[in-house]
Amino acid sequence: MEEGYEKNGSDREEIFSKSVRAGKRTYFFDVKSTKGNDYYLTITESKKRFGDDGKFFYEKHKLFLYKEDFEKFAEGLNEAVAHIKSISPVVEQTESDSNESAPTTNNKFSDVNFEDLDK
């Protein structure tokens, strides 16, 4: 078995991982490598759900982003976030928001920069 690979071979070696909790969701940003030592990013959204039996499970959605698409993806994401910020009404911060140094809009977004991934 090659080092860094799971037994089933479907997941590649993980280079970097960052999780971001956002309300009821958690986002995972995972940089992985291919067999040819090329890099790609997986973005996973995980939400805790409850089944009919009352037990919880995690619903996950995964997006694969390859390095040749990083720049266009980041441009599109930044443009969409900027547009949302420009049309969102400004609201006053509450005490809990000011402790988190959150932006003063209804939607709380973080700027994402993928350009450092190809270094």
N, C-alpha and C. Protein backbone atom coordinates (compact mmCIF):
# COMPACT_ATOMS: atom_id res chain seq x y z
N MET A 1 0.86 -1.19 0.00
CA MET A 1 0.00 0.00 0.00
C MET A 1 0.89 1.23 0.00
N GLU A 2 0.55 2.20 -0.85
CA GLU A 2 1.33 3.43 -0.93
C GLU A 2 1.08 4.30 0.29
N GLU A 3 2.11 4.96 0.75
CA GLU A 3 1.99 5.83 1.91
C GLU A 3 1.03 6.99 1.61
N GLY A 4 0.16 7.30 2.58
CA GLY A 4 -0.77 8.42 2.44
C GLY A 4 -2.07 8.07 1.75
N TYR A 5 -2.25 6.83 1.33
CA TYR A 5 -3.47 6.43 0.64
C TYR A 5 -4.28 5.53 1.56
N GLU A 6 -5.60 5.66 1.48
CA GLU A 6 -6.46 4.77 2.24
C GLU A 6 -6.46 3.41 1.55
N LYS A 7 -6.92 2.40 2.27
CA LYS A 7 -6.91 1.04 1.73
C LYS A 7 -7.68 0.92 0.43
N ASN A 8 -8.80 1.64 0.29
CA ASN A 8 -9.59 1.52 -0.93
C ASN A 8 -9.01 2.34 -2.08
N GLY A 9 -8.03 3.20 -1.80
CA GLY A 9 -7.35 3.96 -2.84
C GLY A 9 -8.14 5.12 -3.39
N SER A 10 -9.37 5.36 -2.90
CA SER A 10 -10.19 6.43 -3.46
C SER A 10 -9.80 7.80 -2.94
N ASP A 11 -9.30 7.90 -1.74
CA ASP A 11 -8.90 9.19 -1.19
C ASP A 11 -7.39 9.33 -1.27
N ARG A 12 -6.95 10.47 -1.71
CA ARG A 12 -5.53 10.73 -1.86
C ARG A 12 -4.96 11.33 -0.59
N GLU A 13 -3.65 11.45 -0.56
CA GLU A 13 -2.96 12.00 0.60
C GLU A 13 -3.46 13.41 0.89
N GLU A 14 -3.77 13.66 2.15
CA GLU A 14 -4.24 14.98 2.55
C GLU A 14 -3.03 15.85 2.90
N ILE A 15 -2.96 17.02 2.28
CA ILE A 15 -1.84 17.94 2.44
C ILE A 15 -2.16 19.00 3.48
N PHE A 16 -3.41 19.47 3.48
CA PHE A 16 -3.83 20.56 4.36
C PHE A 16 -5.33 20.40 4.59
N SER A 17 -5.76 20.73 5.80
CA SER A 17 -7.18 20.66 6.11
C SER A 17 -7.57 21.82 7.02
N LYS A 18 -8.71 22.42 6.74
CA LYS A 18 -9.23 23.53 7.53
C LYS A 18 -10.73 23.33 7.67
N SER A 19 -11.23 23.34 8.90
CA SER A 19 -12.68 23.25 9.10
C SER A 19 -13.19 24.60 9.58
N VAL A 20 -14.40 24.94 9.13
CA VAL A 20 -15.02 26.21 9.48
C VAL A 20 -16.44 25.91 9.94
N ARG A 21 -16.71 26.20 11.22
CA ARG A 21 -18.07 26.04 11.73
C ARG A 21 -18.85 27.30 11.41
N ALA A 22 -20.05 27.10 10.87
CA ALA A 22 -20.89 28.22 10.49
C ALA A 22 -22.34 27.86 10.82
N GLY A 23 -22.77 28.23 12.01
CA GLY A 23 -24.13 27.90 12.43
C GLY A 23 -24.31 26.40 12.55
N LYS A 24 -25.30 25.87 11.85
CA LYS A 24 -25.59 24.43 11.91
C LYS A 24 -24.76 23.62 10.92
N ARG A 25 -23.91 24.30 10.18
CA ARG A 25 -23.10 23.63 9.16
C ARG A 25 -21.63 23.71 9.53
N THR A 26 -20.87 22.76 9.01
CA THR A 26 -19.41 22.80 9.09
C THR A 26 -18.90 22.62 7.67
N TYR A 27 -17.95 23.45 7.30
CA TYR A 27 -17.32 23.36 5.98
C TYR A 27 -15.89 22.85 6.17
N PHE A 28 -15.49 21.92 5.33
CA PHE A 28 -14.14 21.38 5.36
C PHE A 28 -13.45 21.73 4.05
N PHE A 29 -12.27 22.33 4.14
CA PHE A 29 -11.45 22.65 2.98
C PHE A 29 -10.23 21.74 3.06
N ASP A 30 -10.13 20.78 2.16
CA ASP A 30 -9.06 19.79 2.20
C ASP A 30 -8.25 19.83 0.91
N VAL A 31 -6.95 20.07 1.04
CA VAL A 31 -6.05 20.02 -0.10
C VAL A 31 -5.47 18.61 -0.14
N LYS A 32 -5.58 17.98 -1.31
CA LYS A 32 -5.10 16.60 -1.48
C LYS A 32 -4.22 16.52 -2.71
N SER A 33 -3.48 15.42 -2.82
CA SER A 33 -2.62 15.24 -3.99
C SER A 33 -3.06 14.02 -4.79
N THR A 34 -2.83 14.10 -6.09
CA THR A 34 -3.14 12.98 -6.98
C THR A 34 -1.94 12.04 -7.04
N LYS A 35 -2.08 10.94 -7.75
CA LYS A 35 -0.95 10.02 -7.94
C LYS A 35 0.22 10.72 -8.61
N GLY A 36 -0.09 11.68 -9.49
CA GLY A 36 0.95 12.42 -10.21
C GLY A 36 1.46 13.62 -9.44
N ASN A 37 1.22 13.67 -8.13
CA ASN A 37 1.64 14.78 -7.26
C ASN A 37 1.11 16.14 -7.72
N ASP A 38 -0.10 16.15 -8.23
CA ASP A 38 -0.79 17.38 -8.55
C ASP A 38 -1.76 17.64 -7.40
N TYR A 39 -2.19 18.86 -7.22
CA TYR A 39 -3.04 19.19 -6.07
C TYR A 39 -4.44 19.58 -6.49
N TYR A 40 -5.39 19.28 -5.63
CA TYR A 40 -6.77 19.70 -5.82
C TYR A 40 -7.39 19.97 -4.46
N LEU A 41 -8.53 20.63 -4.48
CA LEU A 41 -9.22 21.02 -3.26
C LEU A 41 -10.58 20.36 -3.21
N THR A 42 -10.93 19.81 -2.05
CA THR A 42 -12.30 19.37 -1.85
C THR A 42 -12.92 20.29 -0.82
N ILE A 43 -14.13 20.73 -1.10
CA ILE A 43 -14.91 21.54 -0.17
C ILE A 43 -16.11 20.69 0.21
N THR A 44 -16.24 20.40 1.49
CA THR A 44 -17.33 19.56 1.96
C THR A 44 -18.20 20.35 2.92
N GLU A 45 -19.50 20.31 2.68
CA GLU A 45 -20.47 20.90 3.60
C GLU A 45 -21.08 19.74 4.37
N SER A 46 -21.08 19.85 5.69
CA SER A 46 -21.63 18.80 6.55
C SER A 46 -22.71 19.41 7.44
N LYS A 47 -23.89 18.77 7.42
CA LYS A 47 -25.01 19.23 8.24
C LYS A 47 -25.51 18.07 9.09
N LYS A 48 -25.77 18.34 10.34
CA LYS A 48 -26.32 17.33 11.24
C LYS A 48 -27.82 17.24 10.99
N ARG A 49 -28.31 16.05 10.71
CA ARG A 49 -29.73 15.81 10.44
C ARG A 49 -30.25 14.73 11.37
N PHE A 50 -31.55 14.70 11.55
CA PHE A 50 -32.17 13.67 12.35
C PHE A 50 -33.06 12.81 11.47
N GLY A 51 -32.89 11.49 11.60
CA GLY A 51 -33.68 10.55 10.83
C GLY A 51 -35.05 10.33 11.46
N ASP A 52 -35.89 9.56 10.79
CA ASP A 52 -37.22 9.24 11.30
C ASP A 52 -37.16 8.49 12.62
N ASP A 53 -36.06 7.77 12.85
CA ASP A 53 -35.90 7.00 14.09
C ASP A 53 -35.39 7.86 15.25
N GLY A 54 -35.19 9.15 15.00
CA GLY A 54 -34.72 10.06 16.05
C GLY A 54 -33.22 10.11 16.20
N LYS A 55 -32.49 9.24 15.50
CA LYS A 55 -31.03 9.25 15.55
C LYS A 55 -30.49 10.26 14.55
N PHE A 56 -29.34 10.85 14.90
CA PHE A 56 -28.78 11.85 13.99
C PHE A 56 -27.76 11.21 13.06
N PHE A 57 -27.59 11.89 11.94
CA PHE A 57 -26.57 11.50 10.96
C PHE A 57 -26.07 12.78 10.32
N TYR A 58 -24.96 12.70 9.61
CA TYR A 58 -24.40 13.86 8.94
C TYR A 58 -24.65 13.75 7.44
N GLU A 59 -25.29 14.76 6.90
CA GLU A 59 -25.51 14.85 5.46
C GLU A 59 -24.35 15.65 4.89
N LYS A 60 -23.68 15.09 3.88
CA LYS A 60 -22.49 15.75 3.34
C LYS A 60 -22.63 15.98 1.85
N HIS A 61 -22.15 17.12 1.42
CA HIS A 61 -22.07 17.46 0.00
C HIS A 61 -20.63 17.86 -0.29
N LYS A 62 -20.08 17.31 -1.36
CA LYS A 62 -18.66 17.53 -1.64
C LYS A 62 -18.48 18.11 -3.04
N LEU A 63 -17.56 19.07 -3.12
CA LEU A 63 -17.20 19.72 -4.37
C LEU A 63 -15.70 19.52 -4.58
N PHE A 64 -15.32 19.08 -5.78
CA PHE A 64 -13.91 18.91 -6.13
C PHE A 64 -13.50 20.09 -7.00
N LEU A 65 -12.41 20.73 -6.64
CA LEU A 65 -11.93 21.88 -7.40
C LEU A 65 -10.47 21.63 -7.76
N TYR A 66 -10.19 21.65 -9.06
CA TYR A 66 -8.84 21.37 -9.55
C TYR A 66 -8.08 22.67 -9.78
N LYS A 67 -6.75 22.60 -9.63
CA LYS A 67 -5.94 23.82 -9.58
C LYS A 67 -6.06 24.69 -10.82
N GLU A 68 -6.34 24.10 -11.98
CA GLU A 68 -6.49 24.94 -13.17
C GLU A 68 -7.75 25.80 -13.10
N ASP A 69 -8.65 25.50 -12.16
CA ASP A 69 -9.89 26.27 -12.00
C ASP A 69 -9.87 27.20 -10.79
N PHE A 70 -8.82 27.17 -9.97
CA PHE A 70 -8.77 27.97 -8.74
C PHE A 70 -9.06 29.45 -8.99
N GLU A 71 -8.36 30.04 -9.94
CA GLU A 71 -8.47 31.48 -10.16
C GLU A 71 -9.88 31.87 -10.59
N LYS A 72 -10.44 31.15 -11.56
CA LYS A 72 -11.79 31.47 -12.03
C LYS A 72 -12.82 31.23 -10.92
N PHE A 73 -12.66 30.17 -10.15
CA PHE A 73 -13.57 29.88 -9.05
C PHE A 73 -13.50 31.00 -8.01
N ALA A 74 -12.29 31.39 -7.62
CA ALA A 74 -12.11 32.45 -6.61
C ALA A 74 -12.70 33.77 -7.11
N GLU A 75 -12.50 34.09 -8.39
CA GLU A 75 -13.07 35.31 -8.96
C GLU A 75 -14.60 35.28 -8.89
N GLY A 76 -15.19 34.16 -9.28
CA GLY A 76 -16.64 34.02 -9.24
C GLY A 76 -17.19 34.10 -7.83
N LEU A 77 -16.53 33.42 -6.90
CA LEU A 77 -16.95 33.44 -5.49
C LEU A 77 -16.84 34.85 -4.92
N ASN A 78 -15.71 35.50 -5.15
CA ASN A 78 -15.52 36.87 -4.63
C ASN A 78 -16.55 37.83 -5.22
N GLU A 79 -16.85 37.69 -6.51
CA GLU A 79 -17.84 38.57 -7.14
C GLU A 79 -19.23 38.33 -6.55
N ALA A 80 -19.61 37.08 -6.35
CA ALA A 80 -20.92 36.76 -5.78
C ALA A 80 -21.03 37.26 -4.35
N VAL A 81 -19.99 37.08 -3.54
CA VAL A 81 -20.00 37.55 -2.15
C VAL A 81 -20.06 39.07 -2.11
N ALA A 82 -19.30 39.73 -2.96
CA ALA A 82 -19.32 41.20 -3.00
C ALA A 82 -20.71 41.71 -3.38
N HIS A 83 -21.35 41.02 -4.33
CA HIS A 83 -22.70 41.43 -4.73
C HIS A 83 -23.68 41.27 -3.57
N ILE A 84 -23.62 40.16 -2.88
CA ILE A 84 -24.51 39.94 -1.72
C ILE A 84 -24.28 41.01 -0.67
N LYS A 85 -23.01 41.30 -0.39
CA LYS A 85 -22.69 42.34 0.60
C LYS A 85 -23.23 43.70 0.15
N SER A 86 -23.18 43.98 -1.14
CA SER A 86 -23.61 45.30 -1.63
C SER A 86 -25.13 45.46 -1.57
N ILE A 87 -25.89 44.38 -1.65
CA ILE A 87 -27.35 44.49 -1.63
C ILE A 87 -27.95 44.17 -0.27
N SER A 88 -27.13 43.71 0.68
CA SER A 88 -27.63 43.38 2.01
C SER A 88 -27.76 44.64 2.84
N PRO A 89 -28.86 44.76 3.59
CA PRO A 89 -28.99 45.93 4.46
C PRO A 89 -27.97 45.86 5.60
N VAL A 90 -27.48 47.02 5.98
CA VAL A 90 -26.52 47.10 7.09
C VAL A 90 -27.31 47.03 8.39
N VAL A 91 -26.86 46.20 9.32
CA VAL A 91 -27.51 46.08 10.62
C VAL A 91 -26.48 46.38 11.70
N GLU A 92 -26.98 46.81 12.85
CA GLU A 92 -26.07 47.07 13.97
C GLU A 92 -25.58 45.76 14.54
N GLN A 93 -24.31 45.78 15.01
CA GLN A 93 -23.74 44.58 15.62
C GLN A 93 -24.27 44.42 17.03
N THR A 94 -24.48 43.13 17.40
CA THR A 94 -24.82 42.84 18.79
C THR A 94 -23.53 42.59 19.54
N GLU A 95 -23.61 42.45 20.85
CA GLU A 95 -22.40 42.20 21.64
C GLU A 95 -21.70 40.94 21.21
N SER A 96 -22.45 39.88 20.93
CA SER A 96 -21.81 38.61 20.53
C SER A 96 -21.13 38.75 19.19
N ASP A 97 -21.72 39.55 18.28
CA ASP A 97 -21.08 39.77 16.98
C ASP A 97 -19.79 40.55 17.12
N SER A 98 -19.78 41.57 17.98
CA SER A 98 -18.58 42.40 18.11
C SER A 98 -17.43 41.61 18.72
N ASN A 99 -17.73 40.60 19.51
CA ASN A 99 -16.67 39.74 20.06
C ASN A 99 -16.03 38.89 18.98
N GLU A 100 -16.76 38.63 17.92
CA GLU A 100 -16.25 37.79 16.83
C GLU A 100 -15.66 38.62 15.71
N SER A 101 -15.69 39.97 15.83
CA SER A 101 -15.28 40.90 14.78
C SER A 101 -15.91 40.53 13.45
N ALA A 102 -17.23 40.32 13.47
CA ALA A 102 -17.98 39.93 12.28
C ALA A 102 -18.34 41.16 11.47
N PRO A 103 -18.57 40.98 10.16
CA PRO A 103 -19.00 42.10 9.34
C PRO A 103 -20.40 42.55 9.76
N THR A 104 -20.77 43.78 9.40
CA THR A 104 -22.05 44.33 9.83
C THR A 104 -23.12 44.15 8.77
N THR A 105 -23.28 42.93 8.26
CA THR A 105 -24.36 42.63 7.34
C THR A 105 -25.10 41.43 7.89
N ASN A 106 -26.28 41.16 7.30
CA ASN A 106 -27.05 40.00 7.73
C ASN A 106 -26.32 38.70 7.43
N ASN A 107 -25.54 38.67 6.36
CA ASN A 107 -24.82 37.46 5.97
C ASN A 107 -23.36 37.59 6.38
N LYS A 108 -22.85 36.60 7.08
CA LYS A 108 -21.46 36.63 7.52
C LYS A 108 -20.64 35.73 6.61
N PHE A 109 -19.75 36.35 5.83
CA PHE A 109 -18.91 35.61 4.90
C PHE A 109 -17.45 35.91 5.20
N SER A 110 -16.60 34.96 4.88
CA SER A 110 -15.17 35.16 4.98
C SER A 110 -14.60 35.23 3.58
N ASP A 111 -13.62 36.08 3.38
CA ASP A 111 -12.95 36.11 2.09
C ASP A 111 -12.12 34.85 1.95
N VAL A 112 -12.20 34.22 0.78
CA VAL A 112 -11.46 33.00 0.52
C VAL A 112 -10.47 33.29 -0.60
N ASN A 113 -9.21 32.94 -0.39
CA ASN A 113 -8.18 33.17 -1.38
C ASN A 113 -7.51 31.85 -1.71
N PHE A 114 -7.70 31.38 -2.94
CA PHE A 114 -7.16 30.09 -3.35
C PHE A 114 -5.80 30.22 -4.03
N GLU A 115 -5.33 31.45 -4.24
CA GLU A 115 -4.11 31.66 -4.99
C GLU A 115 -2.87 31.06 -4.31
N ASP A 116 -2.89 30.94 -2.98
CA ASP A 116 -1.75 30.37 -2.29
C ASP A 116 -1.65 28.86 -2.47
N LEU A 117 -2.68 28.23 -3.00
CA LEU A 117 -2.68 26.77 -3.13
C LEU A 117 -1.72 26.26 -4.18
N ASP A 118 -1.42 27.06 -5.23
CA ASP A 118 -0.51 26.50 -6.21
C ASP A 118 0.94 26.75 -5.90
N LYS A 119 1.26 27.25 -4.74
CA LYS A 119 2.67 27.48 -4.37
C LYS A 119 3.27 26.22 -3.80
